[in-house]
Amino acid sequence: MNDLIRRAIAAEADERPDPATVLAGLRRTRQRKPFGLVVGVASLTVAAAAAAVVIPMTIKKTESAPVAAAQPATAQNVLLVGTDDVDFADAILLARFEADGSVNAVSVPRDIAVGDTTINRLYRDDPARLVSAVEQVTGQKVDHHAAVRMAEFGKIAQVVGGVEVCLKKAAVDSITGVSFPAGKQTLEGDRALAFLRQRHGLAHGDLDRVRRHQAFLAGLAAKISKDNALALAREAGGSIRVDSGWDVLAFAQRFQGPVKIVVGTLPVGEPVTIADNVLALPADPSRAKQFVEQQFAGGAPAQDGCVD
């Protein structure tokens, strides 16, 4: 699989025909592979992601499960993780990809209490621990997972010519001093990364940052195209990790146009103190599971385009 992607990208660099066509030939099938849309799905990881899922130039395996045989498209739940520089999960998104390519997703706040720790610390120890915790709190089975470093999203935004977001009011990060004006604005590079990371100076702290992740995700999805897909793969490919049982090419067949994504945030209670005086957010299992079921069924309430 990795060799196929390298050869497709090399073909693009040599100004040969559409890399999707090259990939199709390499797979010895007449069906055109929507390579650009695969990358677009990955870029939704961010969350979180994003993206959602890219076929990177070097896929780092996190499991040893065998690759499943290609099957007709069915709905799948994909856990998308955006990690910081020490592999804590800064963004956690459980996304349900329907057979038609539409996506309903739920952001899982990183400070949810799991025993004597918070959910964001589980990925570094073992991705399977995070998968299990998300399954327990949401009541949904995770079919596959993908992770990308959050630091990549400033570069990703630059590749697509910037990502448009909208703020209800001006905001200043009290730690870094970075400021953002009210209204619509296009972000890339360091400012995009600062936007995704800000929680200080926001009324609801990390919960407001989750909404920023969602707004950035929607703006990024709107900018993905066949023209910039390969550039995105080259930029972010080396930092994407997916489980080894995932046939990403087969998964990508459902995406035949722009990705429609609707995102909500898992409801949590007021902060509580857990071990080592760490503040965490409790999640009521029954309430959380009901929310996710409603979200995945397409019953999410409409949200305005601007965030705090």
Protein backbone atom coordinates (compact mmCIF):
# COMPACT_ATOMS: atom_id res chain seq x y z
CA MET A 1 0.00 0.00 0.00
CA ASN A 2 2.76 2.46 0.95
CA ASP A 3 4.57 1.74 -2.31
CA LEU A 4 1.42 2.48 -4.30
CA ILE A 5 1.11 5.90 -2.72
CA ARG A 6 4.78 6.78 -3.20
CA ARG A 7 4.59 5.84 -6.89
CA ALA A 8 1.38 7.84 -7.37
CA ILE A 9 2.93 10.93 -5.78
CA ALA A 10 6.10 10.48 -7.82
CA ALA A 11 3.97 10.35 -10.96
CA GLU A 12 2.30 13.63 -9.99
CA ALA A 13 5.67 15.23 -9.40
CA ASP A 14 6.75 14.24 -12.92
CA GLU A 15 3.59 15.88 -14.32
CA ARG A 16 2.23 12.59 -15.48
CA PRO A 17 -1.53 11.88 -15.70
CA ASP A 18 -3.91 12.25 -12.77
CA PRO A 19 -2.41 10.29 -9.80
CA ALA A 20 -5.83 8.76 -9.15
CA THR A 21 -5.58 7.15 -12.57
CA VAL A 22 -2.08 5.95 -11.78
CA LEU A 23 -3.33 4.43 -8.53
CA ALA A 24 -6.15 2.73 -10.37
CA GLY A 25 -3.70 1.14 -12.76
CA LEU A 26 -1.46 0.01 -9.94
CA ARG A 27 -4.40 -1.65 -8.25
CA ARG A 28 -5.21 -3.39 -11.60
CA THR A 29 -8.77 -2.26 -11.69
CA ARG A 30 -10.71 -0.11 -14.13
CA GLN A 31 -12.48 1.75 -11.36
CA ARG A 32 -11.05 5.23 -10.73
CA LYS A 33 -9.79 5.70 -7.17
CA PRO A 34 -10.77 9.10 -5.67
CA PHE A 35 -7.30 9.71 -4.21
CA GLY A 36 -7.90 13.38 -3.67
CA LEU A 37 -11.00 12.64 -1.63
CA VAL A 38 -9.09 10.15 0.49
CA VAL A 39 -6.74 12.94 1.49
CA GLY A 40 -9.71 15.21 2.06
CA VAL A 41 -11.24 12.73 4.44
CA ALA A 42 -7.98 12.56 6.34
CA SER A 43 -7.73 16.27 6.63
CA LEU A 44 -11.00 16.19 8.51
CA THR A 45 -9.03 14.73 11.37
CA VAL A 46 -8.83 17.22 13.41
CA ALA A 47 -9.74 17.68 14.96
CA ALA A 48 -9.13 16.54 15.45
CA ALA A 49 -9.28 16.45 13.01
CA ALA A 50 -8.69 15.66 11.33
CA ALA A 51 -9.43 14.63 9.34
CA ALA A 52 -10.50 12.46 8.58
CA VAL A 53 -8.14 9.98 6.93
CA VAL A 54 -5.24 10.32 4.55
CA ILE A 55 -3.28 7.63 2.76
CA PRO A 56 0.12 8.84 3.90
CA MET A 57 3.44 8.31 2.21
CA THR A 58 4.45 6.37 5.33
CA ILE A 59 1.63 4.81 7.34
CA LYS A 60 2.66 4.02 10.90
CA LYS A 61 0.85 0.94 12.18
CA THR A 62 -0.59 0.90 15.68
CA GLU A 63 -1.96 -2.65 15.53
CA SER A 64 -1.08 -5.93 13.90
CA ALA A 65 -4.55 -6.94 12.68
CA PRO A 66 -4.73 -8.28 9.10
CA VAL A 67 -6.12 -6.05 6.36
CA ALA A 68 -9.76 -6.82 5.75
CA ALA A 69 -11.02 -7.80 2.32
CA ALA A 70 -12.86 -5.11 0.35
CA GLN A 71 -16.59 -5.09 1.03
CA PRO A 72 -19.58 -2.99 -0.04
CA ALA A 73 -19.66 0.36 1.73
CA THR A 74 -21.39 0.32 5.10
CA ALA A 75 -21.57 2.89 7.88
CA GLN A 76 -18.39 2.92 9.98
CA ASN A 77 -17.40 4.66 13.20
CA VAL A 78 -13.93 6.18 13.02
CA LEU A 79 -12.10 7.64 16.01
CA LEU A 80 -10.07 10.67 14.91
CA VAL A 81 -7.38 11.96 17.25
CA GLY A 82 -5.28 15.12 17.16
CA THR A 83 -2.19 14.69 19.35
CA ASP A 84 0.18 17.17 20.94
CA ASP A 85 3.97 16.91 20.91
CA VAL A 86 4.02 14.27 23.67
CA ASP A 87 1.16 12.20 22.21
CA PHE A 88 -1.61 13.36 24.53
CA ALA A 89 -4.91 13.69 22.70
CA ASP A 90 -5.66 17.39 22.21
CA ALA A 91 -8.69 16.66 20.02
CA ILE A 92 -10.90 13.55 20.04
CA LEU A 93 -13.65 13.09 17.47
CA LEU A 94 -15.86 10.05 16.97
CA ALA A 95 -17.18 10.23 13.41
CA ARG A 96 -19.82 8.06 11.79
CA PHE A 97 -19.15 7.83 8.06
CA GLU A 98 -22.26 6.78 6.18
CA ALA A 99 -22.15 4.73 2.98
CA ASP A 100 -23.03 7.86 0.97
CA GLY A 101 -20.02 9.77 2.33
CA SER A 102 -21.90 12.03 4.76
CA VAL A 103 -20.49 12.36 8.28
CA ASN A 104 -22.10 12.86 11.67
CA ALA A 105 -19.54 13.33 14.42
CA VAL A 106 -19.22 13.94 18.14
CA SER A 107 -16.36 15.82 19.76
CA VAL A 108 -15.24 14.16 23.00
CA PRO A 109 -13.83 16.78 25.42
CA ARG A 110 -10.27 15.84 26.30
CA ASP A 111 -10.75 16.41 30.05
CA ILE A 112 -13.46 13.76 30.56
CA ALA A 113 -12.72 11.74 33.69
CA VAL A 114 -11.76 8.10 33.17
CA GLY A 115 -11.01 6.53 36.53
CA ASP A 116 -8.23 8.52 38.17
CA THR A 117 -7.10 10.23 34.98
CA THR A 118 -8.48 12.13 31.98
CA ILE A 119 -9.31 10.62 28.62
CA ASN A 120 -6.70 12.65 26.72
CA ARG A 121 -3.83 10.84 28.50
CA LEU A 122 -4.80 7.37 27.32
CA TYR A 123 -3.62 7.50 23.71
CA ARG A 124 0.08 7.90 24.56
CA ASP A 125 0.08 4.79 26.75
CA ASP A 126 -1.85 2.63 24.29
CA PRO A 127 -4.25 3.67 21.49
CA ALA A 128 -6.44 0.69 22.41
CA ARG A 129 -7.06 2.24 25.85
CA LEU A 130 -8.43 5.40 24.26
CA VAL A 131 -10.57 3.38 21.84
CA SER A 132 -12.01 1.37 24.75
CA ALA A 133 -12.72 4.49 26.82
CA VAL A 134 -14.51 6.20 23.92
CA GLU A 135 -16.59 3.08 23.32
CA GLN A 136 -17.61 3.00 26.97
CA VAL A 137 -18.55 6.65 27.26
CA THR A 138 -20.42 6.84 23.93
CA GLY A 139 -21.90 3.35 23.74
CA GLN A 140 -20.63 3.05 20.14
CA LYS A 141 -18.23 0.51 18.67
CA VAL A 142 -15.11 2.05 17.09
CA ASP A 143 -14.36 0.35 13.77
CA HIS A 144 -11.10 2.17 12.99
CA HIS A 145 -8.93 4.96 14.33
CA ALA A 146 -6.54 7.55 12.93
CA ALA A 147 -4.29 10.12 14.56
CA VAL A 148 -2.42 13.20 13.35
CA ARG A 149 -0.26 15.71 15.21
CA MET A 150 -2.09 18.97 15.82
CA ALA A 151 1.07 20.87 14.90
CA GLU A 152 0.54 19.84 11.27
CA PHE A 153 -2.67 21.80 10.86
CA GLY A 154 -1.03 25.17 10.49
CA LYS A 155 0.85 23.77 7.49
CA ILE A 156 -2.25 21.99 6.17
CA ALA A 157 -4.22 25.26 6.30
CA GLN A 158 -1.45 26.95 4.33
CA VAL A 159 -1.53 24.27 1.63
CA VAL A 160 -5.24 24.90 0.97
CA GLY A 161 -4.78 28.68 0.89
CA GLY A 162 -6.08 29.28 4.39
CA VAL A 163 -9.14 28.13 6.34
CA GLU A 164 -12.03 30.53 6.95
CA VAL A 165 -13.47 30.74 10.46
CA CYS A 166 -15.81 33.21 12.17
CA LEU A 167 -15.66 34.54 15.73
CA LYS A 168 -18.61 36.09 17.55
CA LYS A 169 -16.28 38.50 19.31
CA ALA A 170 -12.61 39.41 19.45
CA ALA A 171 -10.43 37.09 21.53
CA VAL A 172 -7.00 37.34 23.11
CA ASP A 173 -4.98 34.39 24.41
CA SER A 174 -3.87 35.52 27.87
CA ILE A 175 -0.88 33.17 27.79
CA THR A 176 0.55 33.70 24.30
CA GLY A 177 -0.82 37.17 23.60
CA VAL A 178 -2.17 36.08 20.20
CA SER A 179 -5.34 38.00 19.29
CA PHE A 180 -8.15 37.36 16.82
CA PRO A 181 -10.69 39.97 15.65
CA ALA A 182 -14.43 39.40 15.60
CA GLY A 183 -16.04 38.20 12.39
CA LYS A 184 -14.83 36.12 9.46
CA GLN A 185 -11.12 35.61 8.92
CA THR A 186 -8.82 33.27 7.02
CA LEU A 187 -6.15 31.48 9.03
CA GLU A 188 -3.05 29.53 8.08
CA GLY A 189 0.36 28.70 9.51
CA ASP A 190 1.08 29.76 13.09
CA ARG A 191 -2.16 31.72 13.46
CA ALA A 192 -4.24 28.68 12.49
CA LEU A 193 -2.40 26.61 15.08
CA ALA A 194 -2.81 29.32 17.72
CA PHE A 195 -6.55 29.43 16.96
CA LEU A 196 -6.85 25.67 17.46
CA ARG A 197 -4.85 25.68 20.68
CA GLN A 198 -6.39 28.67 22.47
CA ARG A 199 -8.44 27.97 25.57
CA HIS A 200 -7.17 30.67 27.94
CA GLY A 201 -9.28 33.80 27.77
CA LEU A 202 -12.33 31.86 26.54
CA ALA A 203 -15.45 31.77 28.74
CA HIS A 204 -15.73 27.97 28.75
CA GLY A 205 -12.08 27.10 28.37
CA ASP A 206 -11.47 23.81 26.58
CA LEU A 207 -15.14 23.39 25.65
CA ASP A 208 -14.93 26.59 23.62
CA ARG A 209 -11.73 25.29 22.07
CA VAL A 210 -13.64 22.17 20.99
CA ARG A 211 -16.08 24.42 19.11
CA ARG A 212 -13.10 26.10 17.44
CA HIS A 213 -11.85 22.70 16.34
CA GLN A 214 -15.26 22.02 14.81
CA ALA A 215 -15.37 25.37 13.01
CA PHE A 216 -11.86 24.85 11.64
CA LEU A 217 -12.81 21.33 10.54
CA ALA A 218 -15.80 22.61 8.58
CA GLY A 219 -13.71 25.37 6.99
CA LEU A 220 -10.97 22.93 6.03
CA ALA A 221 -13.42 20.45 4.53
CA ALA A 222 -14.76 23.21 2.30
CA LYS A 223 -11.27 23.87 0.89
CA ILE A 224 -10.25 20.28 0.02
CA SER A 225 -10.07 19.64 -3.71
CA LYS A 226 -8.46 17.32 -6.22
CA ASP A 227 -6.02 20.11 -7.01
CA ASN A 228 -4.54 20.31 -3.50
CA ALA A 229 -5.02 16.72 -2.29
CA LEU A 230 -1.55 15.47 -3.21
CA ALA A 231 0.09 18.48 -1.63
CA LEU A 232 -1.84 17.73 1.56
CA ALA A 233 -0.66 14.12 1.46
CA ARG A 234 2.96 15.21 1.14
CA GLU A 235 2.59 17.74 3.96
CA ALA A 236 0.80 15.62 6.55
CA GLY A 237 1.37 12.06 5.39
CA GLY A 238 4.37 11.32 7.57
CA SER A 239 2.52 12.12 10.80
CA ILE A 240 -0.72 10.23 10.15
CA ARG A 241 -1.17 6.94 11.97
CA VAL A 242 -4.01 4.51 11.26
CA ASP A 243 -4.83 1.03 12.52
CA SER A 244 -3.38 -1.69 10.32
CA GLY A 245 -6.71 -3.42 9.74
CA TRP A 246 -8.04 -0.49 7.75
CA ASP A 247 -8.16 -0.65 3.95
CA VAL A 248 -8.27 3.11 3.45
CA LEU A 249 -8.56 2.91 -0.34
CA ALA A 250 -11.66 0.73 -0.08
CA PHE A 251 -13.09 3.05 2.58
CA ALA A 252 -12.57 6.06 0.31
CA GLN A 253 -14.77 4.70 -2.46
CA ARG A 254 -17.86 6.19 -0.80
CA PHE A 255 -16.59 9.77 -1.24
CA GLN A 256 -17.67 11.06 -4.63
CA GLY A 257 -17.96 14.76 -3.85
CA PRO A 258 -17.62 17.37 -1.09
CA VAL A 259 -17.84 15.89 2.39
CA LYS A 260 -20.90 16.98 4.39
CA ILE A 261 -20.05 16.92 8.09
CA VAL A 262 -22.20 17.77 11.12
CA VAL A 263 -20.47 17.90 14.51
CA GLY A 264 -21.77 18.16 18.07
CA THR A 265 -20.06 18.08 21.49
CA LEU A 266 -20.59 15.31 24.03
CA PRO A 267 -22.42 16.76 27.07
CA VAL A 268 -20.47 16.85 30.35
CA GLY A 269 -21.05 17.94 33.94
CA GLU A 270 -19.35 20.60 36.07
CA PRO A 271 -15.60 20.10 36.73
CA VAL A 272 -14.61 17.77 39.55
CA THR A 273 -11.24 17.13 41.20
CA ILE A 274 -9.62 13.73 40.67
CA ALA A 275 -6.18 12.32 41.53
CA ASP A 276 -3.28 14.78 41.95
CA ASN A 277 -5.78 17.68 42.15
CA VAL A 278 -6.50 17.45 38.43
CA LEU A 279 -9.76 19.04 37.27
CA ALA A 280 -11.82 16.72 35.09
CA LEU A 281 -15.25 16.71 33.44
CA PRO A 282 -17.69 13.95 34.38
CA ALA A 283 -19.77 12.38 31.62
CA ASP A 284 -23.07 10.72 32.52
CA PRO A 285 -23.08 7.44 30.53
CA SER A 286 -26.81 7.33 29.82
CA ARG A 287 -26.98 10.99 28.81
CA ALA A 288 -23.85 10.69 26.68
CA LYS A 289 -25.06 7.57 24.88
CA GLN A 290 -28.45 9.15 24.16
CA PHE A 291 -26.74 12.23 22.73
CA VAL A 292 -24.49 10.18 20.44
CA GLU A 293 -27.39 8.06 19.19
CA GLN A 294 -29.33 11.22 18.32
CA GLN A 295 -26.28 12.80 16.64
CA PHE A 296 -25.55 9.72 14.54
CA ALA A 297 -29.20 9.47 13.55
CA GLY A 298 -29.02 12.96 12.05
CA GLY A 299 -30.96 14.67 14.81
CA ALA A 300 -28.32 17.24 15.73
CA PRO A 301 -29.59 20.82 16.25
CA ALA A 302 -28.50 23.46 13.76
CA GLN A 303 -25.51 25.59 14.80
CA ASP A 304 -24.62 29.08 13.65
CA GLY A 305 -21.40 29.58 11.75
CA CYS A 306 -19.56 31.72 14.33
CA VAL A 307 -17.90 30.53 17.55
CA ASP A 308 -16.58 32.18 20.71
